[in-house]
PDB file of N, CA and C in Angstrom:
ATOM      1  N   MET A   1      15.914   9.703  16.285  1.00  0.00           N
ATOM      2  CA  MET A   1      16.890   9.300  15.301  1.00  0.00           C
ATOM      3  C   MET A   1      17.205  10.510  14.439  1.00  0.00           C
ATOM      4  N   LYS A   2      18.471  10.728  14.179  1.00  0.00           N
ATOM      5  CA  LYS A   2      18.899  11.809  13.300  1.00  0.00           C
ATOM      6  C   LYS A   2      19.098  11.235  11.909  1.00  0.00           C
ATOM      7  N   LEU A   3      18.577  11.947  10.918  1.00  0.00           N
ATOM      8  CA  LEU A   3      18.707  11.509   9.539  1.00  0.00           C
ATOM      9  C   LEU A   3      19.768  12.350   8.839  1.00  0.00           C
ATOM     10  N   HIS A   4      20.446  11.758   7.876  1.00  0.00           N
ATOM     11  CA  HIS A   4      21.503  12.447   7.161  1.00  0.00           C
ATOM     12  C   HIS A   4      20.935  13.342   6.073  1.00  0.00           C
ATOM     13  N   PRO A   5      21.558  14.518   5.856  1.00  0.00           N
ATOM     14  CA  PRO A   5      21.069  15.398   4.800  1.00  0.00           C
ATOM     15  C   PRO A   5      21.297  14.783   3.422  1.00  0.00           C
ATOM     16  N   SER A   6      20.469  15.168   2.469  1.00  0.00           N
ATOM     17  CA  SER A   6      20.619  14.695   1.101  1.00  0.00           C
ATOM     18  C   SER A   6      20.441  15.876   0.154  1.00  0.00           C
ATOM     19  N   VAL A   7      20.371  15.597  -1.106  1.00  0.00           N
ATOM     20  CA  VAL A   7      20.244  16.645  -2.101  1.00  0.00           C
ATOM     21  C   VAL A   7      18.768  17.028  -2.221  1.00  0.00           C
ATOM     22  N   THR A   8      18.289  17.787  -1.262  1.00  0.00           N
ATOM     23  CA  THR A   8      16.889  18.188  -1.241  1.00  0.00           C
ATOM     24  C   THR A   8      16.771  19.688  -0.984  1.00  0.00           C
ATOM     25  N   VAL A   9      17.710  20.460  -1.486  1.00  0.00           N
ATOM     26  CA  VAL A   9      17.731  21.900  -1.263  1.00  0.00           C
ATOM     27  C   VAL A   9      16.418  22.515  -1.741  1.00  0.00           C
ATOM     28  N   GLY A  10      15.825  23.331  -0.878  1.00  0.00           N
ATOM     29  CA  GLY A  10      14.583  24.004  -1.214  1.00  0.00           C
ATOM     30  C   GLY A  10      13.330  23.174  -0.984  1.00  0.00           C
ATOM     31  N   LEU A  11      13.480  21.928  -0.552  1.00  0.00           N
ATOM     32  CA  LEU A  11      12.337  21.065  -0.300  1.00  0.00           C
ATOM     33  C   LEU A  11      12.228  20.763   1.190  1.00  0.00           C
ATOM     34  N   HIS A  12      11.046  20.380   1.616  1.00  0.00           N
ATOM     35  CA  HIS A  12      10.842  20.010   3.013  1.00  0.00           C
ATOM     36  C   HIS A  12      11.255  18.557   3.219  1.00  0.00           C
ATOM     37  N   ALA A  13      12.304  18.374   4.015  1.00  0.00           N
ATOM     38  CA  ALA A  13      12.804  17.040   4.337  1.00  0.00           C
ATOM     39  C   ALA A  13      12.709  16.826   5.843  1.00  0.00           C
ATOM     40  N   ILE A  14      12.509  15.592   6.242  1.00  0.00           N
ATOM     41  CA  ILE A  14      12.488  15.242   7.659  1.00  0.00           C
ATOM     42  C   ILE A  14      13.924  14.995   8.082  1.00  0.00           C
ATOM     43  N   THR A  15      14.370  15.756   9.078  1.00  0.00           N
ATOM     44  CA  THR A  15      15.777  15.699   9.488  1.00  0.00           C
ATOM     45  C   THR A  15      15.998  14.960  10.800  1.00  0.00           C
ATOM     46  N   ALA A  16      14.935  14.715  11.560  1.00  0.00           N
ATOM     47  CA  ALA A  16      15.052  13.957  12.812  1.00  0.00           C
ATOM     48  C   ALA A  16      13.651  13.615  13.299  1.00  0.00           C
ATOM     49  N   TYR A  17      13.568  12.600  14.143  1.00  0.00           N
ATOM     50  CA  TYR A  17      12.291  12.264  14.761  1.00  0.00           C
ATOM     51  C   TYR A  17      12.538  11.421  15.997  1.00  0.00           C
ATOM     52  N   ASP A  18      11.586  11.475  16.915  1.00  0.00           N
ATOM     53  CA  ASP A  18      11.519  10.576  18.058  1.00  0.00           C
ATOM     54  C   ASP A  18      10.051  10.487  18.460  1.00  0.00           C
ATOM     55  N   ALA A  19       9.759   9.934  19.612  1.00  0.00           N
ATOM     56  CA  ALA A  19       8.369   9.710  20.012  1.00  0.00           C
ATOM     57  C   ALA A  19       7.595  11.014  20.229  1.00  0.00           C
ATOM     58  N   GLU A  20       8.298  12.111  20.507  1.00  0.00           N
ATOM     59  CA  GLU A  20       7.621  13.357  20.860  1.00  0.00           C
ATOM     60  C   GLU A  20       7.695  14.453  19.818  1.00  0.00           C
ATOM     61  N   HIS A  21       8.488  14.271  18.766  1.00  0.00           N
ATOM     62  CA  HIS A  21       8.595  15.331  17.763  1.00  0.00           C
ATOM     63  C   HIS A  21       9.093  14.772  16.439  1.00  0.00           C
ATOM     64  N   ILE A  22       8.901  15.572  15.405  1.00  0.00           N
ATOM     65  CA  ILE A  22       9.472  15.314  14.092  1.00  0.00           C
ATOM     66  C   ILE A  22      10.058  16.643  13.639  1.00  0.00           C
ATOM     67  N   ALA A  23      11.300  16.631  13.172  1.00  0.00           N
ATOM     68  CA  ALA A  23      11.928  17.863  12.695  1.00  0.00           C
ATOM     69  C   ALA A  23      11.874  17.906  11.172  1.00  0.00           C
ATOM     70  N   VAL A  24      11.442  19.041  10.652  1.00  0.00           N
ATOM     71  CA  VAL A  24      11.407  19.288   9.210  1.00  0.00           C
ATOM     72  C   VAL A  24      12.409  20.397   8.932  1.00  0.00           C
ATOM     73  N   ASN A  25      13.440  20.064   8.158  1.00  0.00           N
ATOM     74  CA  ASN A  25      14.534  21.010   7.883  1.00  0.00           C
ATOM     75  C   ASN A  25      15.064  21.620   9.183  1.00  0.00           C
ATOM     76  N   GLY A  26      15.154  20.801  10.215  1.00  0.00           N
ATOM     77  CA  GLY A  26      15.686  21.237  11.507  1.00  0.00           C
ATOM     78  C   GLY A  26      14.667  21.884  12.420  1.00  0.00           C
ATOM     79  N   ARG A  27      13.485  22.158  11.940  1.00  0.00           N
ATOM     80  CA  ARG A  27      12.437  22.796  12.748  1.00  0.00           C
ATOM     81  C   ARG A  27      11.626  21.718  13.458  1.00  0.00           C
ATOM     82  N   ARG A  28      11.572  21.819  14.764  1.00  0.00           N
ATOM     83  CA  ARG A  28      10.919  20.821  15.619  1.00  0.00           C
ATOM     84  C   ARG A  28       9.399  20.987  15.581  1.00  0.00           C
ATOM     85  N   MET A  29       8.701  19.927  15.175  1.00  0.00           N
ATOM     86  CA  MET A  29       7.240  19.912  15.137  1.00  0.00           C
ATOM     87  C   MET A  29       6.763  18.981  16.257  1.00  0.00           C
ATOM     88  N   THR A  30       5.870  19.456  17.115  1.00  0.00           N
ATOM     89  CA  THR A  30       5.403  18.657  18.241  1.00  0.00           C
ATOM     90  C   THR A  30       3.916  18.328  18.163  1.00  0.00           C
ATOM     91  N   LYS A  31       3.258  18.781  17.109  1.00  0.00           N
ATOM     92  CA  LYS A  31       1.847  18.469  16.875  1.00  0.00           C
ATOM     93  C   LYS A  31       1.722  17.831  15.496  1.00  0.00           C
ATOM     94  N   SER A  32       0.718  17.005  15.317  1.00  0.00           N
ATOM     95  CA  SER A  32       0.491  16.320  14.046  1.00  0.00           C
ATOM     96  C   SER A  32       0.442  17.339  12.907  1.00  0.00           C
ATOM     97  N   PHE A  33       0.924  16.920  11.728  1.00  0.00           N
ATOM     98  CA  PHE A  33       0.965  17.842  10.589  1.00  0.00           C
ATOM     99  C   PHE A  33       0.963  17.072   9.277  1.00  0.00           C
ATOM    100  N   LEU A  34       0.713  17.812   8.200  1.00  0.00           N
ATOM    101  CA  LEU A  34       0.760  17.285   6.844  1.00  0.00           C
ATOM    102  C   LEU A  34       1.980  17.879   6.166  1.00  0.00           C
ATOM    103  N   LEU A  35       2.610  17.087   5.308  1.00  0.00           N
ATOM    104  CA  LEU A  35       3.858  17.519   4.695  1.00  0.00           C
ATOM    105  C   LEU A  35       3.934  17.061   3.247  1.00  0.00           C
ATOM    106  N   THR A  36       4.341  17.968   2.376  1.00  0.00           N
ATOM    107  CA  THR A  36       4.735  17.622   1.014  1.00  0.00           C
ATOM    108  C   THR A  36       6.110  18.241   0.813  1.00  0.00           C
ATOM    109  N   PRO A  37       6.792  17.920  -0.254  1.00  0.00           N
ATOM    110  CA  PRO A  37       8.097  18.547  -0.468  1.00  0.00           C
ATOM    111  C   PRO A  37       8.034  20.078  -0.543  1.00  0.00           C
ATOM    112  N   GLN A  38       6.874  20.635  -0.895  1.00  0.00           N
ATOM    113  CA  GLN A  38       6.744  22.080  -1.039  1.00  0.00           C
ATOM    114  C   GLN A  38       5.912  22.760   0.047  1.00  0.00           C
ATOM    115  N   LYS A  39       5.250  21.992   0.912  1.00  0.00           N
ATOM    116  CA  LYS A  39       4.266  22.594   1.813  1.00  0.00           C
ATOM    117  C   LYS A  39       4.213  21.870   3.159  1.00  0.00           C
ATOM    118  N   ILE A  40       4.013  22.657   4.219  1.00  0.00           N
ATOM    119  CA  ILE A  40       3.733  22.118   5.555  1.00  0.00           C
ATOM    120  C   ILE A  40       2.382  22.670   5.990  1.00  0.00           C
ATOM    121  N   VAL A  41       1.492  21.788   6.407  1.00  0.00           N
ATOM    122  CA  VAL A  41       0.215  22.191   6.995  1.00  0.00           C
ATOM    123  C   VAL A  41       0.300  21.838   8.472  1.00  0.00           C
ATOM    124  N   GLU A  42       0.486  22.860   9.298  1.00  0.00           N
ATOM    125  CA  GLU A  42       0.676  22.632  10.729  1.00  0.00           C
ATOM    126  C   GLU A  42      -0.646  22.393  11.452  1.00  0.00           C
ATOM    127  N   ASN A  43      -0.526  21.833  12.638  1.00  0.00           N
ATOM    128  CA  ASN A  43      -1.662  21.613  13.540  1.00  0.00           C
ATOM    129  C   ASN A  43      -2.793  20.824  12.889  1.00  0.00           C
ATOM    130  N   TRP A  44      -2.415  19.763  12.181  1.00  0.00           N
ATOM    131  CA  TRP A  44      -3.419  18.831  11.665  1.00  0.00           C
ATOM    132  C   TRP A  44      -4.126  18.247  12.882  1.00  0.00           C
ATOM    133  N   PRO A  45      -5.461  18.193  12.909  1.00  0.00           N
ATOM    134  CA  PRO A  45      -6.187  17.930  14.156  1.00  0.00           C
ATOM    135  C   PRO A  45      -5.874  16.660  14.951  1.00  0.00           C
ATOM    136  N   PRO A  46      -5.717  15.474  14.369  1.00  0.00           N
ATOM    137  CA  PRO A  46      -5.636  14.317  15.274  1.00  0.00           C
ATOM    138  C   PRO A  46      -4.351  14.304  16.107  1.00  0.00           C
ATOM    139  N   ASP A  47      -4.504  14.180  17.438  1.00  0.00           N
ATOM    140  CA  ASP A  47      -3.315  14.051  18.281  1.00  0.00           C
ATOM    141  C   ASP A  47      -3.125  12.611  18.748  1.00  0.00           C
ATOM    142  N   SER A  48      -3.923  11.716  18.163  1.00  0.00           N
ATOM    143  CA  SER A  48      -3.760  10.275  18.362  1.00  0.00           C
ATOM    144  C   SER A  48      -4.526   9.584  17.238  1.00  0.00           C
ATOM    145  N   PHE A  49      -4.198   8.332  16.995  1.00  0.00           N
ATOM    146  CA  PHE A  49      -4.904   7.589  15.964  1.00  0.00           C
ATOM    147  C   PHE A  49      -6.396   7.501  16.283  1.00  0.00           C
ATOM    148  N   ASP A  50      -6.724   7.329  17.564  1.00  0.00           N
ATOM    149  CA  ASP A  50      -8.126   7.185  17.967  1.00  0.00           C
ATOM    150  C   ASP A  50      -8.962   8.418  17.649  1.00  0.00           C
ATOM    151  N   LYS A  51      -8.328   9.564  17.471  1.00  0.00           N
ATOM    152  CA  LYS A  51      -9.064  10.806  17.168  1.00  0.00           C
ATOM    153  C   LYS A  51      -9.076  11.125  15.673  1.00  0.00           C
ATOM    154  N   LEU A  52      -8.530  10.246  14.847  1.00  0.00           N
ATOM    155  CA  LEU A  52      -8.519  10.439  13.398  1.00  0.00           C
ATOM    156  C   LEU A  52      -9.945  10.321  12.852  1.00  0.00           C
ATOM    157  N   THR A  53     -10.353  11.304  12.015  1.00  0.00           N
ATOM    158  CA  THR A  53     -11.699  11.301  11.450  1.00  0.00           C
ATOM    159  C   THR A  53     -11.636  11.274   9.924  1.00  0.00           C
ATOM    160  N   ALA A  54     -12.774  11.018   9.316  1.00  0.00           N
ATOM    161  CA  ALA A  54     -12.862  11.059   7.849  1.00  0.00           C
ATOM    162  C   ALA A  54     -12.529  12.457   7.343  1.00  0.00           C
ATOM    163  N   ALA A  55     -12.929  13.496   8.066  1.00  0.00           N
ATOM    164  CA  ALA A  55     -12.612  14.871   7.665  1.00  0.00           C
ATOM    165  C   ALA A  55     -11.102  15.111   7.673  1.00  0.00           C
ATOM    166  N   ASP A  56     -10.396  14.532   8.647  1.00  0.00           N
ATOM    167  CA  ASP A  56      -8.934  14.652   8.684  1.00  0.00           C
ATOM    168  C   ASP A  56      -8.331  14.024   7.432  1.00  0.00           C
ATOM    169  N   LEU A  57      -8.847  12.871   7.043  1.00  0.00           N
ATOM    170  CA  LEU A  57      -8.337  12.191   5.854  1.00  0.00           C
ATOM    171  C   LEU A  57      -8.710  12.952   4.584  1.00  0.00           C
ATOM    172  N   ASP A  58      -9.878  13.578   4.569  1.00  0.00           N
ATOM    173  CA  ASP A  58     -10.267  14.388   3.410  1.00  0.00           C
ATOM    174  C   ASP A  58      -9.315  15.571   3.228  1.00  0.00           C
ATOM    175  N   SER A  59      -8.814  16.134   4.332  1.00  0.00           N
ATOM    176  CA  SER A  59      -7.878  17.254   4.214  1.00  0.00           C
ATOM    177  C   SER A  59      -6.557  16.813   3.578  1.00  0.00           C
ATOM    178  N   ILE A  60      -6.202  15.549   3.749  1.00  0.00           N
ATOM    179  CA  ILE A  60      -5.005  15.018   3.085  1.00  0.00           C
ATOM    180  C   ILE A  60      -5.259  14.949   1.582  1.00  0.00           C
ATOM    181  N   ALA A  61      -6.439  14.493   1.204  1.00  0.00           N
ATOM    182  CA  ALA A  61      -6.780  14.369  -0.219  1.00  0.00           C
ATOM    183  C   ALA A  61      -6.706  15.723  -0.920  1.00  0.00           C
ATOM    184  N   GLU A  62      -6.988  16.800  -0.200  1.00  0.00           N
ATOM    185  CA  GLU A  62      -6.939  18.146  -0.781  1.00  0.00           C
ATOM    186  C   GLU A  62      -5.523  18.555  -1.193  1.00  0.00           C
ATOM    187  N   LEU A  63      -4.503  17.872  -0.678  1.00  0.00           N
ATOM    188  CA  LEU A  63      -3.124  18.170  -1.069  1.00  0.00           C
ATOM    189  C   LEU A  63      -2.849  17.738  -2.506  1.00  0.00           C
ATOM    190  N   ASP A  64      -3.719  16.886  -3.031  1.00  0.00           N
ATOM    191  CA  ASP A  64      -3.656  16.451  -4.427  1.00  0.00           C
ATOM    192  C   ASP A  64      -2.335  15.777  -4.791  1.00  0.00           C
ATOM    193  N   CYS A  65      -1.836  14.920  -3.899  1.00  0.00           N
ATOM    194  CA  CYS A  65      -0.645  14.117  -4.173  1.00  0.00           C
ATOM    195  C   CYS A  65      -1.096  12.687  -4.468  1.00  0.00           C
ATOM    196  N   PRO A  66      -0.491  12.037  -5.454  1.00  0.00           N
ATOM    197  CA  PRO A  66      -0.920  10.679  -5.793  1.00  0.00           C
ATOM    198  C   PRO A  66      -0.497   9.614  -4.791  1.00  0.00           C
ATOM    199  N   ILE A  67       0.451   9.942  -3.926  1.00  0.00           N
ATOM    200  CA  ILE A  67       0.932   9.002  -2.909  1.00  0.00           C
ATOM    201  C   ILE A  67       0.821   9.673  -1.547  1.00  0.00           C
ATOM    202  N   VAL A  68       0.157   8.999  -0.609  1.00  0.00           N
ATOM    203  CA  VAL A  68       0.041   9.506   0.761  1.00  0.00           C
ATOM    204  C   VAL A  68       0.584   8.460   1.713  1.00  0.00           C
ATOM    205  N   LEU A  69       1.442   8.905   2.602  1.00  0.00           N
ATOM    206  CA  LEU A  69       1.960   8.062   3.685  1.00  0.00           C
ATOM    207  C   LEU A  69       1.258   8.504   4.954  1.00  0.00           C
ATOM    208  N   LEU A  70       0.480   7.624   5.545  1.00  0.00           N
ATOM    209  CA  LEU A  70      -0.232   7.936   6.772  1.00  0.00           C
ATOM    210  C   LEU A  70       0.536   7.348   7.934  1.00  0.00           C
ATOM    211  N   GLY A  71       1.178   8.221   8.713  1.00  0.00           N
ATOM    212  CA  GLY A  71       1.922   7.810   9.900  1.00  0.00           C
ATOM    213  C   GLY A  71       0.989   7.832  11.096  1.00  0.00           C
ATOM    214  N   THR A  72       0.698   6.665  11.644  1.00  0.00           N
ATOM    215  CA  THR A  72      -0.349   6.527  12.659  1.00  0.00           C
ATOM    216  C   THR A  72       0.152   6.596  14.101  1.00  0.00           C
ATOM    217  N   GLY A  73       1.306   7.193  14.316  1.00  0.00           N
ATOM    218  CA  GLY A  73       1.831   7.308  15.671  1.00  0.00           C
ATOM    219  C   GLY A  73       2.877   6.249  15.947  1.00  0.00           C
ATOM    220  N   SER A  74       2.934   5.801  17.190  1.00  0.00           N
ATOM    221  CA  SER A  74       4.004   4.894  17.611  1.00  0.00           C
ATOM    222  C   SER A  74       3.867   3.481  17.048  1.00  0.00           C
ATOM    223  N   ARG A  75       2.673   3.139  16.582  1.00  0.00           N
ATOM    224  CA  ARG A  75       2.497   1.819  15.976  1.00  0.00           C
ATOM    225  C   ARG A  75       1.558   1.910  14.779  1.00  0.00           C
ATOM    226  N   GLN A  76       1.673   0.939  13.915  1.00  0.00           N
ATOM    227  CA  GLN A  76       0.852   0.892  12.713  1.00  0.00           C
ATOM    228  C   GLN A  76      -0.571   0.481  13.071  1.00  0.00           C
ATOM    229  N   ARG A  77      -1.525   1.307  12.660  1.00  0.00           N
ATOM    230  CA  ARG A  77      -2.944   1.012  12.874  1.00  0.00           C
ATOM    231  C   ARG A  77      -3.692   1.444  11.618  1.00  0.00           C
ATOM    232  N   PHE A  78      -4.642   0.646  11.185  1.00  0.00           N
ATOM    233  CA  PHE A  78      -5.346   0.915   9.935  1.00  0.00           C
ATOM    234  C   PHE A  78      -6.708   1.549  10.191  1.00  0.00           C
ATOM    235  N   PRO A  79      -7.002   2.667   9.514  1.00  0.00           N
ATOM    236  CA  PRO A  79      -8.348   3.240   9.630  1.00  0.00           C
ATOM    237  C   PRO A  79      -9.353   2.369   8.891  1.00  0.00           C
ATOM    238  N   PRO A  80     -10.621   2.461   9.258  1.00  0.00           N
ATOM    239  CA  PRO A  80     -11.643   1.691   8.536  1.00  0.00           C
ATOM    240  C   PRO A  80     -11.664   2.097   7.054  1.00  0.00           C
ATOM    241  N   PRO A  81     -11.882   1.158   6.160  1.00  0.00           N
ATOM    242  CA  PRO A  81     -11.897   1.464   4.721  1.00  0.00           C
ATOM    243  C   PRO A  81     -12.837   2.608   4.348  1.00  0.00           C
ATOM    244  N   ALA A  82     -13.965   2.723   5.029  1.00  0.00           N
ATOM    245  CA  ALA A  82     -14.917   3.793   4.708  1.00  0.00           C
ATOM    246  C   ALA A  82     -14.291   5.175   4.907  1.00  0.00           C
ATOM    247  N   MET A  83     -13.368   5.300   5.877  1.00  0.00           N
ATOM    248  CA  MET A  83     -12.713   6.589   6.115  1.00  0.00           C
ATOM    249  C   MET A  83     -11.761   6.953   4.974  1.00  0.00           C
ATOM    250  N   LEU A  84     -11.286   5.955   4.254  1.00  0.00           N
ATOM    251  CA  LEU A  84     -10.339   6.196   3.159  1.00  0.00           C
ATOM    252  C   LEU A  84     -11.043   6.404   1.816  1.00  0.00           C
ATOM    253  N   ARG A  85     -12.354   6.298   1.808  1.00  0.00           N
ATOM    254  CA  ARG A  85     -13.118   6.343   0.557  1.00  0.00           C
ATOM    255  C   ARG A  85     -12.802   7.579  -0.286  1.00  0.00           C
ATOM    256  N   GLY A  86     -12.712   8.760   0.328  1.00  0.00           N
ATOM    257  CA  GLY A  86     -12.439   9.988  -0.424  1.00  0.00           C
ATOM    258  C   GLY A  86     -11.138   9.911  -1.200  1.00  0.00           C
ATOM    259  N   MET A  87     -10.103   9.375  -0.573  1.00  0.00           N
ATOM    260  CA  MET A  87      -8.822   9.256  -1.261  1.00  0.00           C
ATOM    261  C   MET A  87      -8.871   8.179  -2.333  1.00  0.00           C
ATOM    262  N   ILE A  88      -9.535   7.081  -2.041  1.00  0.00           N
ATOM    263  CA  ILE A  88      -9.646   5.991  -3.021  1.00  0.00           C
ATOM    264  C   ILE A  88     -10.387   6.479  -4.259  1.00  0.00           C
ATOM    265  N   GLU A  89     -11.468   7.238  -4.054  1.00  0.00           N
ATOM    266  CA  GLU A  89     -12.237   7.755  -5.188  1.00  0.00           C
ATOM    267  C   GLU A  89     -11.410   8.728  -6.035  1.00  0.00           C
ATOM    268  N   LYS A  90     -10.464   9.415  -5.425  1.00  0.00           N
ATOM    269  CA  LYS A  90      -9.581  10.329  -6.165  1.00  0.00           C
ATOM    270  C   LYS A  90      -8.345   9.606  -6.710  1.00  0.00           C
ATOM    271  N   ARG A  91      -8.317   8.284  -6.555  1.00  0.00           N
ATOM    272  CA  ARG A  91      -7.218   7.448  -7.036  1.00  0.00           C
ATOM    273  C   ARG A  91      -5.881   7.829  -6.379  1.00  0.00           C
ATOM    274  N   ILE A  92      -5.938   8.105  -5.084  1.00  0.00           N
ATOM    275  CA  ILE A  92      -4.749   8.413  -4.299  1.00  0.00           C
ATOM    276  C   ILE A  92      -4.322   7.138  -3.590  1.00  0.00           C
ATOM    277  N   GLY A  93      -3.073   6.765  -3.753  1.00  0.00           N
ATOM    278  CA  GLY A  93      -2.539   5.599  -3.071  1.00  0.00           C
ATOM    279  C   GLY A  93      -2.201   5.946  -1.630  1.00  0.00           C
ATOM    280  N   VAL A  94      -2.679   5.149  -0.697  1.00  0.00           N
ATOM    281  CA  VAL A  94      -2.446   5.397   0.727  1.00  0.00           C
ATOM    282  C   VAL A  94      -1.669   4.232   1.311  1.00  0.00           C
ATOM    283  N   GLU A  95      -0.537   4.538   1.905  1.00  0.00           N
ATOM    284  CA  GLU A  95       0.262   3.546   2.623  1.00  0.00           C
ATOM    285  C   GLU A  95       0.194   3.889   4.095  1.00  0.00           C
ATOM    286  N   VAL A  96      -0.222   2.943   4.911  1.00  0.00           N
ATOM    287  CA  VAL A  96      -0.370   3.161   6.348  1.00  0.00           C
ATOM    288  C   VAL A  96       0.804   2.502   7.058  1.00  0.00           C
ATOM    289  N   MET A  97       1.457   3.260   7.936  1.00  0.00           N
ATOM    290  CA  MET A  97       2.605   2.746   8.688  1.00  0.00           C
ATOM    291  C   MET A  97       2.758   3.552   9.968  1.00  0.00           C
ATOM    292  N   ASP A  98       3.613   3.110  10.867  1.00  0.00           N
ATOM    293  CA  ASP A  98       3.868   3.933  12.046  1.00  0.00           C
ATOM    294  C   ASP A  98       4.570   5.211  11.591  1.00  0.00           C
ATOM    295  N   SER A  99       4.538   6.241  12.420  1.00  0.00           N
ATOM    296  CA  SER A  99       5.063   7.546  11.994  1.00  0.00           C
ATOM    297  C   SER A  99       6.558   7.525  11.709  1.00  0.00           C
ATOM    298  N   ALA A 100       7.336   6.742  12.442  1.00  0.00           N
ATOM    299  CA  ALA A 100       8.777   6.660  12.178  1.00  0.00           C
ATOM    300  C   ALA A 100       9.033   6.084  10.783  1.00  0.00           C
ATOM    301  N   ALA A 101       8.330   5.024  10.428  1.00  0.00           N
ATOM    302  CA  ALA A 101       8.480   4.433   9.094  1.00  0.00           C
ATOM    303  C   ALA A 101       8.015   5.406   8.019  1.00  0.00           C
ATOM    304  N   ALA A 102       6.942   6.145   8.300  1.00  0.00           N
ATOM    305  CA  ALA A 102       6.451   7.134   7.338  1.00  0.00           C
ATOM    306  C   ALA A 102       7.486   8.232   7.111  1.00  0.00           C
ATOM    307  N   CYS A 103       8.193   8.645   8.167  1.00  0.00           N
ATOM    308  CA  CYS A 103       9.251   9.660   8.019  1.00  0.00           C
ATOM    309  C   CYS A 103      10.353   9.160   7.088  1.00  0.00           C
ATOM    310  N   ARG A 104      10.812   7.960   7.318  1.00  0.00           N
ATOM    311  CA  ARG A 104      11.890   7.408   6.493  1.00  0.00           C
ATOM    312  C   ARG A 104      11.447   7.239   5.043  1.00  0.00           C
ATOM    313  N   THR A 105      10.245   6.714   4.855  1.00  0.00           N
ATOM    314  CA  THR A 105       9.732   6.472   3.507  1.00  0.00           C
ATOM    315  C   THR A 105       9.496   7.790   2.779  1.00  0.00           C
ATOM    316  N   TYR A 106       8.979   8.778   3.475  1.00  0.00           N
ATOM    317  CA  TYR A 106       8.770  10.104   2.876  1.00  0.00           C
ATOM    318  C   TYR A 106      10.088  10.647   2.321  1.00  0.00           C
ATOM    319  N   ASN A 107      11.139  10.605   3.124  1.00  0.00           N
ATOM    320  CA  ASN A 107      12.424  11.151   2.668  1.00  0.00           C
ATOM    321  C   ASN A 107      12.939  10.435   1.427  1.00  0.00           C
ATOM    322  N   ILE A 108      12.782   9.136   1.382  1.00  0.00           N
ATOM    323  CA  ILE A 108      13.235   8.377   0.209  1.00  0.00           C
ATOM    324  C   ILE A 108      12.463   8.803  -1.027  1.00  0.00           C
ATOM    325  N   LEU A 109      11.133   8.821  -0.930  1.00  0.00           N
ATOM    326  CA  LEU A 109      10.313   9.173  -2.087  1.00  0.00           C
ATOM    327  C   LEU A 109      10.517  10.631  -2.498  1.00  0.00           C
ATOM    328  N   MET A 110      10.618  11.522  -1.528  1.00  0.00           N
ATOM    329  CA  MET A 110      10.843  12.932  -1.814  1.00  0.00           C
ATOM    330  C   MET A 110      12.180  13.129  -2.519  1.00  0.00           C
ATOM    331  N   ALA A 111      13.229  12.446  -2.049  1.00  0.00           N
ATOM    332  CA  ALA A 111      14.560  12.564  -2.667  1.00  0.00           C
ATOM    333  C   ALA A 111      14.576  12.008  -4.089  1.00  0.00           C
ATOM    334  N   GLU A 112      13.680  11.072  -4.382  1.00  0.00           N
ATOM    335  CA  GLU A 112      13.558  10.528  -5.736  1.00  0.00           C
ATOM    336  C   GLU A 112      12.755  11.448  -6.654  1.00  0.00           C
ATOM    337  N   GLY A 113      12.236  12.551  -6.101  1.00  0.00           N
ATOM    338  CA  GLY A 113      11.446  13.473  -6.896  1.00  0.00           C
ATOM    339  C   GLY A 113       9.989  13.082  -7.035  1.00  0.00           C
ATOM    340  N   ARG A 114       9.517  12.169  -6.200  1.00  0.00           N
ATOM    341  CA  ARG A 114       8.127  11.703  -6.266  1.00  0.00           C
ATOM    342  C   ARG A 114       7.192  12.743  -5.654  1.00  0.00           C
ATOM    343  N   ASP A 115       5.980  12.795  -6.144  1.00  0.00           N
ATOM    344  CA  ASP A 115       4.940  13.677  -5.632  1.00  0.00           C
ATOM    345  C   ASP A 115       4.259  12.949  -4.472  1.00  0.00           C
ATOM    346  N   VAL A 116       4.706  13.211  -3.260  1.00  0.00           N
ATOM    347  CA  VAL A 116       4.295  12.459  -2.083  1.00  0.00           C
ATOM    348  C   VAL A 116       3.843  13.409  -0.979  1.00  0.00           C
ATOM    349  N   ALA A 117       2.905  12.942  -0.178  1.00  0.00           N
ATOM    350  CA  ALA A 117       2.480  13.663   1.016  1.00  0.00           C
ATOM    351  C   ALA A 117       2.600  12.727   2.210  1.00  0.00           C
ATOM    352  N   ALA A 118       2.960  13.298   3.345  1.00  0.00           N
ATOM    353  CA  ALA A 118       2.996  12.535   4.597  1.00  0.00           C
ATOM    354  C   ALA A 118       2.007  13.182   5.561  1.00  0.00           C
ATOM    355  N   ALA A 119       1.161  12.376   6.143  1.00  0.00           N
ATOM    356  CA  ALA A 119       0.238  12.798   7.186  1.00  0.00           C
ATOM    357  C   ALA A 119       0.746  12.138   8.457  1.00  0.00           C
ATOM    358  N   LEU A 120       1.312  12.931   9.340  1.00  0.00           N
ATOM    359  CA  LEU A 120       2.058  12.377  10.474  1.00  0.00           C
ATOM    360  C   LEU A 120       1.381  12.712  11.799  1.00  0.00           C
ATOM    361  N   ILE A 121       0.946  11.664  12.473  1.00  0.00           N
ATOM    362  CA  ILE A 121       0.354  11.827  13.796  1.00  0.00           C
ATOM    363  C   ILE A 121       1.462  11.798  14.839  1.00  0.00           C
ATOM    364  N   ILE A 122       1.531  12.866  15.624  1.00  0.00           N
ATOM    365  CA  ILE A 122       2.429  12.917  16.773  1.00  0.00           C
ATOM    366  C   ILE A 122       1.534  12.816  17.994  1.00  0.00           C
ATOM    367  N   GLU A 123       1.675  11.740  18.711  1.00  0.00           N
ATOM    368  CA  GLU A 123       0.795  11.473  19.841  1.00  0.00           C
ATOM    369  C   GLU A 123       1.138  12.373  21.017  1.00  0.00           C
ATOM    370  N   CYS A 124       0.119  13.036  21.542  1.00  0.00           N
ATOM    371  CA  CYS A 124       0.300  13.893  22.700  1.00  0.00           C
ATOM    372  C   CYS A 124       0.271  13.045  23.953  1.00  0.00           C
ATOM    373  N   ALA A 125       1.139  13.371  24.893  1.00  0.00           N
ATOM    374  CA  ALA A 125       1.161  12.650  26.165  1.00  0.00           C
ATOM    375  C   ALA A 125      -0.120  12.933  26.935  1.00  0.00           C
ATOM    376  N   SER A 126      -0.650  11.907  27.555  1.00  0.00           N
ATOM    377  CA  SER A 126      -1.920  12.072  28.296  1.00  0.00           C
ATOM    378  C   SER A 126      -1.672  12.638  29.659  1.00  0.00           C
TER     379      SER A 126
END
């Protein structure tokens, strides 16, 4: 799906996505990554929801954003509450959704000027 540009000059916006990639400002990303309006952390380790670890979630908490959108791939899947403990203890709100929904929600919140991070799993073909 191609997304329409908005008033986000100088910020990282998601400009397109499909099952195999997510584009940030037109740049095609094919591996899972972390995103804030000011920063991209490439090659975030999980290449599927099943490989998501507590350490992966702790790396999201290090971004120090009060809102985190966890895109779990092609479908919404919830990590065990114990894995989210680090973010909960830091009072970080975590919304879990499929990666396509996380892309759309990220753009809305980012365009509103919200301090948001997206952790986006791009599932690798087996």
